[in-house]
Amino acid sequence: MSVYPDLAWLGARLGPDDGPLYALIDCARDSRLHGWLRAPGVYSQSLHSGVQALRLERYGPFCTLIEPGRGLAEPWFSDRGLGWREHWGWLFQSRAPLSSIVLHFKKFLRVDSAGGPLYWRFYDPRALCLSLPQLSLQQQAEFFGDCIRRLFCFDARRQNLIELWQQTHLLESALTGTRRLHVRVHSAGLLSNAAAPNTTQRLPA
């Protein structure tokens, strides 16, 4: 049995009110990804636009809807979870339309640092798992915004599936204007269609 979650396992854990399932994809991970994402009937959009899209589209980040039997769903979950194993990207739920999701993520492609602006490869699941715990509570809330309702990312270092969502505490939100990010860790050895124990904790700020 694969240690990577299949679509049935994941579907049973989706938030019922959190919207459809999307994927944020790093096309540089596999030369076939761009063709799958641009196939007729596949609902997808590059995070780049204009001249930059023409130059980087085949190797840059894409957002796409994950639908059983269509588009990227079959190759992602086939061959013992190829998308998870090869770090193609990460999955999330959103109630926002695709165009709004893309505009939200575009804001984070370049970030300011002490040495000047940098490209942030947050669409690479390995980079995201390293970055999120280092962000402040405010930065975490800004990254999720009103766009990401629930996020699923495979942590290659620990071989765990990380599930993240914003927990709204009315008093805390009123006082700070932010929502705290929570995480549930699914042990890779227990990722199957059977119910699996997990732990829930607050993501460190």
Protein backbone atom coordinates (compact mmCIF):
# COMPACT_ATOMS: atom_id res chain seq x y z
CA MET A 1 0.00 0.00 0.00
CA SER A 2 1.30 3.47 -0.87
CA VAL A 3 2.18 5.82 1.98
CA TYR A 4 0.75 8.68 -0.10
CA PRO A 5 -2.94 9.61 0.17
CA ASP A 6 -5.22 8.68 -2.70
CA LEU A 7 -8.16 10.75 -3.88
CA ALA A 8 -10.70 8.75 -1.87
CA TRP A 9 -8.73 9.23 1.36
CA LEU A 10 -8.36 12.94 0.69
CA GLY A 11 -11.98 13.39 -0.35
CA ALA A 12 -13.16 12.02 3.00
CA ARG A 13 -11.17 14.74 4.78
CA LEU A 14 -12.17 17.77 2.74
CA GLY A 15 -14.00 20.53 4.59
CA PRO A 16 -17.66 20.27 3.48
CA ASP A 17 -18.05 24.06 3.37
CA ASP A 18 -14.53 24.92 2.15
CA GLY A 19 -15.14 24.78 -1.59
CA PRO A 20 -13.69 22.75 -4.49
CA LEU A 21 -10.24 21.19 -4.45
CA TYR A 22 -7.46 23.00 -6.34
CA ALA A 23 -3.78 22.35 -6.92
CA LEU A 24 -0.93 24.84 -7.06
CA ILE A 25 1.58 23.31 -9.46
CA ASP A 26 5.30 23.81 -10.12
CA CYS A 27 5.60 23.02 -13.84
CA ALA A 28 9.39 22.84 -13.55
CA ARG A 29 9.03 19.51 -11.74
CA ASP A 30 7.91 17.51 -14.81
CA SER A 31 7.96 18.37 -18.51
CA ARG A 32 4.50 16.79 -18.96
CA LEU A 33 2.72 19.06 -16.49
CA HIS A 34 2.26 22.03 -18.82
CA GLY A 35 0.63 19.84 -21.48
CA TRP A 36 -1.78 18.31 -18.98
CA LEU A 37 -2.71 21.73 -17.61
CA ARG A 38 -3.29 23.19 -21.09
CA ALA A 39 -5.34 20.25 -22.38
CA PRO A 40 -8.88 21.07 -23.65
CA GLY A 41 -11.46 21.19 -20.89
CA VAL A 42 -8.92 21.58 -18.07
CA TYR A 43 -9.67 24.54 -15.82
CA SER A 44 -6.24 26.06 -15.10
CA GLN A 45 -4.35 29.36 -15.17
CA SER A 46 -0.72 30.44 -14.95
CA LEU A 47 0.35 32.74 -12.10
CA HIS A 48 2.39 34.68 -14.64
CA SER A 49 0.86 37.05 -17.20
CA GLY A 50 1.93 39.06 -20.23
CA VAL A 51 5.47 38.65 -21.57
CA GLN A 52 6.54 36.87 -18.40
CA ALA A 53 3.91 34.19 -19.00
CA LEU A 54 5.25 33.59 -22.53
CA ARG A 55 8.77 33.17 -21.14
CA LEU A 56 8.06 31.19 -17.97
CA GLU A 57 4.70 29.48 -18.43
CA ARG A 58 6.12 26.03 -19.19
CA TYR A 59 8.30 26.10 -16.08
CA GLY A 60 6.38 28.33 -13.70
CA PRO A 61 3.48 27.99 -11.25
CA PHE A 62 -0.06 27.09 -12.33
CA CYS A 63 -3.31 26.80 -10.45
CA THR A 64 -5.83 24.18 -11.52
CA LEU A 65 -9.08 22.63 -10.39
CA ILE A 66 -8.79 18.97 -9.29
CA GLU A 67 -11.72 16.94 -10.62
CA PRO A 68 -11.90 13.12 -10.45
CA GLY A 69 -11.16 11.60 -13.84
CA ARG A 70 -10.14 14.90 -15.46
CA GLY A 71 -7.04 17.04 -15.90
CA LEU A 72 -4.30 16.52 -13.35
CA ALA A 73 -6.26 14.28 -10.96
CA GLU A 74 -5.39 11.01 -12.68
CA PRO A 75 -1.60 11.50 -13.04
CA TRP A 76 -1.31 13.11 -9.58
CA PHE A 77 -2.85 10.15 -7.73
CA SER A 78 -1.64 7.36 -10.06
CA ASP A 79 1.57 5.32 -9.66
CA ARG A 80 1.44 5.39 -5.83
CA GLY A 81 0.80 9.13 -5.72
CA LEU A 82 3.12 10.51 -8.38
CA GLY A 83 2.21 14.14 -7.67
CA TRP A 84 3.04 13.78 -3.98
CA ARG A 85 6.23 11.77 -4.59
CA GLU A 86 7.65 14.10 -7.23
CA HIS A 87 6.77 17.32 -5.37
CA TRP A 88 4.55 18.67 -8.15
CA GLY A 89 2.85 21.09 -5.76
CA TRP A 90 0.19 21.10 -3.05
CA LEU A 91 -3.58 20.96 -2.82
CA PHE A 92 -6.06 23.33 -1.22
CA GLN A 93 -9.73 24.14 -0.98
CA SER A 94 -11.13 27.55 -1.86
CA ARG A 95 -14.54 29.10 -2.38
CA ALA A 96 -13.02 31.84 -4.56
CA PRO A 97 -13.10 31.69 -8.39
CA LEU A 98 -9.88 30.67 -10.13
CA SER A 99 -9.16 34.21 -11.36
CA SER A 100 -9.29 35.55 -7.78
CA ILE A 101 -7.11 32.71 -6.50
CA VAL A 102 -4.45 33.48 -9.12
CA LEU A 103 -4.47 37.19 -8.26
CA HIS A 104 -4.06 36.30 -4.58
CA PHE A 105 -1.04 34.06 -5.19
CA LYS A 106 0.61 36.49 -7.62
CA LYS A 107 1.19 38.85 -4.68
CA PHE A 108 3.64 36.37 -3.13
CA LEU A 109 5.84 35.56 -6.14
CA ARG A 110 8.24 38.35 -5.10
CA VAL A 111 8.85 39.17 -1.45
CA ASP A 112 10.95 41.86 0.20
CA SER A 113 14.04 40.96 2.20
CA ALA A 114 16.95 42.82 3.78
CA GLY A 115 18.99 42.15 0.64
CA GLY A 116 16.25 43.22 -1.76
CA PRO A 117 13.30 41.51 -3.47
CA LEU A 118 13.41 37.71 -3.78
CA TYR A 119 11.37 35.10 -5.63
CA TRP A 120 9.47 32.89 -3.18
CA ARG A 121 8.87 29.38 -4.53
CA PHE A 122 5.89 28.76 -2.25
CA TYR A 123 4.33 26.56 -4.94
CA ASP A 124 7.10 24.01 -4.26
CA PRO A 125 5.76 21.92 -1.33
CA ARG A 126 9.25 21.51 0.11
CA ALA A 127 9.70 25.28 0.22
CA LEU A 128 6.24 25.83 1.69
CA CYS A 129 6.79 23.34 4.53
CA LEU A 130 10.02 25.14 5.42
CA SER A 131 8.61 28.66 5.06
CA LEU A 132 5.25 28.60 6.84
CA PRO A 133 6.56 27.93 10.38
CA GLN A 134 8.98 30.84 9.97
CA LEU A 135 6.25 33.36 9.12
CA SER A 136 4.67 35.54 11.76
CA LEU A 137 1.03 35.05 12.68
CA GLN A 138 0.16 38.09 10.58
CA GLN A 139 2.13 36.80 7.58
CA GLN A 140 0.46 33.39 7.82
CA ALA A 141 -2.96 35.07 7.89
CA GLU A 142 -2.04 37.20 4.86
CA PHE A 143 -0.87 34.15 2.89
CA PHE A 144 -4.11 32.26 3.56
CA GLY A 145 -6.29 35.38 3.37
CA ASP A 146 -9.91 34.69 2.47
CA CYS A 147 -8.69 32.51 -0.39
CA ILE A 148 -7.25 29.32 1.14
CA ARG A 149 -9.77 27.53 3.32
CA ARG A 150 -7.85 24.27 3.82
CA LEU A 151 -4.41 23.22 2.57
CA PHE A 152 -2.79 19.79 2.08
CA CYS A 153 0.98 19.59 1.63
CA PHE A 154 3.29 16.58 1.78
CA ASP A 155 6.35 17.16 3.98
CA ALA A 156 9.12 15.21 2.27
CA ARG A 157 11.53 15.58 5.19
CA ARG A 158 9.20 13.98 7.74
CA GLN A 159 7.15 11.87 5.29
CA ASN A 160 3.89 13.27 6.66
CA LEU A 161 0.88 14.89 5.06
CA ILE A 162 0.27 18.32 6.60
CA GLU A 163 -3.30 19.66 6.70
CA LEU A 164 -3.66 23.35 7.56
CA TRP A 165 -6.64 25.62 8.13
CA GLN A 166 -7.45 28.92 9.80
CA GLN A 167 -9.18 28.60 13.14
CA THR A 168 -11.33 31.62 13.87
CA HIS A 169 -11.53 32.68 17.51
CA LEU A 170 -13.97 35.57 17.66
CA LEU A 171 -12.32 37.39 20.56
CA GLU A 172 -8.79 36.93 19.24
CA SER A 173 -9.83 37.99 15.72
CA ALA A 174 -11.54 41.10 17.09
CA LEU A 175 -8.49 42.07 19.15
CA THR A 176 -5.71 41.25 16.66
CA GLY A 177 -7.45 41.23 13.28
CA THR A 178 -5.86 37.86 12.50
CA ARG A 179 -6.91 34.21 12.48
CA ARG A 180 -4.64 31.57 13.94
CA LEU A 181 -3.34 28.82 11.67
CA HIS A 182 -3.82 25.23 12.83
CA VAL A 183 -2.19 22.07 11.55
CA ARG A 184 -3.10 18.39 11.56
CA VAL A 185 -0.28 15.94 10.87
CA HIS A 186 -1.21 12.66 9.19
CA SER A 187 1.50 10.05 9.64
CA ALA A 188 2.62 8.69 6.27
CA GLY A 189 2.48 5.09 7.50
CA LEU A 190 -1.23 5.50 8.26
CA LEU A 191 -2.34 7.15 5.02
CA SER A 192 -4.97 4.76 3.77
CA ASN A 193 -8.72 4.68 3.29
CA ALA A 194 -9.08 3.51 6.88
CA ALA A 195 -9.54 6.05 9.65
CA ALA A 196 -6.15 7.24 10.85
CA PRO A 197 -5.17 8.87 14.12
CA ASN A 198 -3.70 12.35 13.84
CA THR A 199 -2.51 15.18 15.98
CA THR A 200 -3.74 18.75 15.91
CA GLN A 201 -1.67 21.69 17.05
CA ARG A 202 -1.10 25.35 16.40
CA LEU A 203 1.51 26.10 13.77
CA PRO A 204 4.40 27.99 15.44
CA ALA A 205 4.47 31.68 14.63
